[in-house]
Amino acid sequence: MEITEVRIKLMDDPGDRLKAFCSITFDNCFVVRDLKIIEGANGPFVAMPSRKLTAHCPKCRTKNHLRAQYCNQCGKRLDPPPAPKDADGRLKLYADIAHPINSACREMIQKKVLAAFEEEKARSKLPGYVPSYSDFDEAEYEDYIPPSRPSAAEAPAPPAPPAPPTQVPEKPHGPHTPPAKQPQGQHGSSQQDGFGAGVFQ
């Protein structure tokens, strides 16, 4: 098994102990991401990808980090359990997700990664430098632009409901017969000459 590719992402703060993130590819077919290059007492070394160790809350059984004082779910105060220790007696708060199981493999990974780290530092001084490795989210969504949503003030008003149709009076059926002649009133005028005259003509 050989490391066929190493990608490096340098950190912005050169004074930080964490110098870079990287990914390694084995035999052009298997990738391990999120290895770290850390400045140690004897020079930089490669740390394997890891996760925080957790313990269950005694009340709601939610997982919390070993050093958490309160449960993230129910808020109960936690009594931190005795944390495991590594071979050097140091408190162990993280567990490796992927790691070599013998020293020969570890040395091979460290040699390849640190050589690529030095090359990346030299490349970073060139104009137009772009890191060879980016975080998963950045790689997937660096060109993604979310659709804009109008605010309540900018949102278009809903269309008004259509006006009810005007009802046209139905015409009488059968032959048309003129209305009967009405008798004249006291003042010699027809009853239809006043208000509403001509409605039935």
Protein backbone atom coordinates (compact mmCIF):
# COMPACT_ATOMS: atom_id res chain seq x y z
CA MET A 1 0.00 0.00 0.00
CA GLU A 2 1.36 3.41 -0.98
CA ILE A 3 0.39 7.01 -0.38
CA THR A 4 -0.32 8.31 -3.86
CA GLU A 5 -1.44 11.86 -3.00
CA VAL A 6 -1.13 14.32 -0.12
CA ARG A 7 -3.08 17.57 0.03
CA ILE A 8 -2.27 20.33 2.49
CA LYS A 9 -4.18 23.33 3.82
CA LEU A 10 -1.96 25.73 5.77
CA MET A 11 -3.36 27.63 8.74
CA ASP A 12 -3.57 31.42 8.58
CA ASP A 13 -1.91 32.03 11.96
CA PRO A 14 1.77 30.98 11.77
CA GLY A 15 2.13 31.32 15.55
CA ASP A 16 -0.46 28.66 16.29
CA ARG A 17 0.66 25.11 17.15
CA LEU A 18 -1.75 23.74 14.55
CA LYS A 19 0.14 24.32 11.31
CA ALA A 20 -2.03 22.62 8.70
CA PHE A 21 -4.79 20.16 7.86
CA CYS A 22 -4.23 17.50 5.24
CA SER A 23 -5.69 14.51 3.45
CA ILE A 24 -3.88 11.43 2.20
CA THR A 25 -4.87 9.02 -0.58
CA PHE A 26 -3.86 5.36 -0.56
CA ASP A 27 -3.35 3.55 -3.89
CA ASN A 28 -5.46 6.16 -5.73
CA CYS A 29 -8.61 4.65 -4.22
CA PHE A 30 -8.95 5.43 -0.48
CA VAL A 31 -8.83 8.88 1.17
CA VAL A 32 -8.34 9.79 4.82
CA ARG A 33 -9.15 13.41 5.62
CA ASP A 34 -8.54 15.81 8.50
CA LEU A 35 -5.07 14.75 9.55
CA LYS A 36 -3.36 17.59 11.43
CA ILE A 37 0.21 18.84 11.35
CA ILE A 38 1.09 20.14 14.81
CA GLU A 39 4.24 21.88 16.01
CA GLY A 40 5.61 19.81 18.89
CA ALA A 41 8.59 20.18 21.20
CA ASN A 42 10.79 18.23 18.77
CA GLY A 43 9.38 19.66 15.54
CA PRO A 44 6.18 19.12 13.56
CA PHE A 45 4.35 15.79 13.75
CA VAL A 46 1.22 14.31 12.19
CA ALA A 47 -1.90 13.74 14.32
CA MET A 48 -4.57 11.35 13.10
CA PRO A 49 -8.22 12.40 12.65
CA SER A 50 -10.04 12.10 15.96
CA ARG A 51 -13.31 12.67 17.81
CA LYS A 52 -14.07 13.93 21.31
CA LEU A 53 -14.69 11.29 23.96
CA THR A 54 -18.16 11.53 25.51
CA ALA A 55 -20.15 10.20 28.46
CA HIS A 56 -23.91 9.75 28.90
CA CYS A 57 -25.99 12.08 31.09
CA PRO A 58 -27.43 10.03 34.00
CA LYS A 59 -30.82 11.74 33.60
CA CYS A 60 -31.57 11.88 29.85
CA ARG A 61 -28.75 9.65 28.48
CA THR A 62 -27.55 12.34 26.04
CA LYS A 63 -23.86 12.21 25.14
CA ASN A 64 -21.72 15.07 26.45
CA HIS A 65 -18.01 15.82 26.27
CA LEU A 66 -16.04 14.40 29.19
CA ARG A 67 -15.26 17.87 30.53
CA ALA A 68 -18.82 19.21 30.20
CA GLN A 69 -20.21 20.57 33.47
CA TYR A 70 -23.86 20.56 32.37
CA CYS A 71 -25.86 18.34 30.02
CA ASN A 72 -26.43 19.92 26.61
CA GLN A 73 -29.92 18.41 26.45
CA CYS A 74 -31.56 18.66 29.89
CA GLY A 75 -29.20 21.04 31.74
CA LYS A 76 -28.45 18.66 34.62
CA ARG A 77 -25.15 19.31 36.39
CA LEU A 78 -22.72 16.54 35.55
CA ASP A 79 -20.09 14.85 37.67
CA PRO A 80 -17.33 14.24 35.12
CA PRO A 81 -16.30 10.57 35.09
CA PRO A 82 -12.63 9.70 35.53
CA ALA A 83 -11.13 10.29 32.07
CA PRO A 84 -8.89 7.60 30.58
CA LYS A 85 -5.17 8.26 30.28
CA ASP A 86 -2.76 7.51 27.46
CA ALA A 87 0.48 5.54 27.67
CA ASP A 88 2.33 8.64 28.95
CA GLY A 89 -0.21 9.21 31.73
CA ARG A 90 -1.79 12.27 30.10
CA LEU A 91 -5.53 12.85 30.17
CA LYS A 92 -7.12 11.33 27.08
CA LEU A 93 -10.05 13.42 25.79
CA TYR A 94 -9.95 12.37 22.13
CA ALA A 95 -9.97 9.04 20.30
CA ASP A 96 -8.44 8.45 16.86
CA ILE A 97 -10.92 7.65 14.09
CA ALA A 98 -8.24 6.21 11.77
CA HIS A 99 -4.66 5.43 12.71
CA PRO A 100 -1.73 3.17 11.80
CA ILE A 101 -1.31 0.04 13.90
CA ASN A 102 2.48 -0.25 13.61
CA SER A 103 5.42 2.12 13.74
CA ALA A 104 6.53 1.43 10.16
CA CYS A 105 3.20 2.65 8.77
CA ARG A 106 3.20 5.68 11.06
CA GLU A 107 6.70 6.67 9.97
CA MET A 108 5.78 6.26 6.30
CA ILE A 109 2.71 8.51 6.70
CA GLN A 110 4.62 11.12 8.69
CA LYS A 111 7.51 11.23 6.19
CA LYS A 112 5.20 11.72 3.19
CA VAL A 113 2.99 14.29 4.90
CA LEU A 114 5.82 16.41 6.30
CA ALA A 115 7.56 16.46 2.91
CA ALA A 116 4.32 17.66 1.27
CA PHE A 117 3.96 20.22 4.09
CA GLU A 118 7.36 21.77 3.28
CA GLU A 119 6.49 21.86 -0.44
CA GLU A 120 3.15 23.54 0.33
CA LYS A 121 4.85 26.21 2.44
CA ALA A 122 7.18 27.00 -0.46
CA ARG A 123 4.26 27.12 -2.90
CA SER A 124 2.31 29.44 -0.59
CA LYS A 125 4.87 32.19 -1.21
CA LEU A 126 4.17 32.22 -4.95
CA PRO A 127 1.65 34.66 -6.46
CA GLY A 128 -1.83 33.23 -7.08
CA TYR A 129 -1.37 30.46 -4.51
CA VAL A 130 -4.39 28.21 -3.91
CA PRO A 131 -4.33 25.48 -1.20
CA SER A 132 -4.32 21.93 -2.54
CA TYR A 133 -6.75 20.81 0.17
CA SER A 134 -10.00 22.37 1.35
CA ASP A 135 -12.55 21.36 3.93
CA PHE A 136 -15.43 19.19 2.72
CA ASP A 137 -18.04 21.90 3.11
CA GLU A 138 -15.90 24.45 1.31
CA ALA A 139 -15.22 22.09 -1.58
CA GLU A 140 -18.89 21.25 -2.00
CA TYR A 141 -20.43 24.66 -1.49
CA GLU A 142 -17.80 27.31 -2.28
CA ASP A 143 -19.69 28.29 -5.47
CA TYR A 144 -23.17 27.83 -4.03
CA ILE A 145 -25.31 30.96 -3.76
CA PRO A 146 -28.51 30.46 -1.75
CA PRO A 147 -31.69 31.77 -3.36
CA SER A 148 -32.72 35.15 -2.02
CA ARG A 149 -35.99 35.31 -0.16
CA PRO A 150 -37.97 38.59 -0.22
CA SER A 151 -38.74 40.14 3.12
CA ALA A 152 -42.31 40.58 4.32
CA ALA A 153 -42.26 44.21 3.12
CA GLU A 154 -40.95 43.21 -0.33
CA ALA A 155 -43.17 40.16 -0.77
CA PRO A 156 -45.89 40.70 -3.39
CA ALA A 157 -49.42 41.02 -2.08
CA PRO A 158 -51.68 38.04 -2.77
CA PRO A 159 -54.04 38.58 -5.73
CA ALA A 160 -57.47 39.97 -4.87
CA PRO A 161 -60.34 37.48 -5.16
CA PRO A 162 -62.38 37.90 -8.35
CA ALA A 163 -65.54 40.00 -8.09
CA PRO A 164 -68.77 37.98 -8.01
CA PRO A 165 -70.52 37.94 -11.38
CA THR A 166 -73.36 40.44 -11.86
CA GLN A 167 -76.68 38.66 -12.00
CA VAL A 168 -78.71 39.64 -15.04
CA PRO A 169 -82.49 39.52 -14.47
CA GLU A 170 -84.10 36.71 -16.36
CA LYS A 171 -86.36 37.65 -19.24
CA PRO A 172 -89.96 36.43 -19.01
CA HIS A 173 -90.83 33.39 -21.05
CA GLY A 174 -93.56 33.31 -23.70
CA PRO A 175 -94.91 36.02 -25.96
CA HIS A 176 -94.53 39.59 -24.79
CA THR A 177 -97.77 41.27 -23.77
CA PRO A 178 -97.90 44.98 -23.13
CA PRO A 179 -98.99 45.97 -19.63
CA ALA A 180 -102.61 46.87 -19.03
CA LYS A 181 -103.49 50.52 -19.15
CA GLN A 182 -103.68 51.93 -15.65
CA PRO A 183 -106.45 54.34 -14.59
CA GLN A 184 -105.46 57.92 -14.10
CA GLY A 185 -105.22 59.40 -10.62
CA GLN A 186 -106.68 62.52 -9.04
CA HIS A 187 -104.41 64.97 -10.82
CA GLY A 188 -104.99 63.51 -14.24
CA SER A 189 -101.63 61.77 -14.50
CA SER A 190 -100.87 58.08 -14.84
CA GLN A 191 -99.67 56.25 -11.72
CA GLN A 192 -96.57 55.35 -13.68
CA ASP A 193 -95.59 58.96 -14.33
CA GLY A 194 -94.17 59.32 -10.83
CA PHE A 195 -91.34 57.41 -9.13
CA GLY A 196 -90.39 54.26 -11.01
CA ALA A 197 -92.24 55.24 -14.12
CA GLY A 198 -91.38 53.24 -17.19
CA VAL A 199 -89.89 50.32 -15.29
CA PHE A 200 -92.48 47.91 -16.60
CA GLN A 201 -92.75 49.35 -20.11
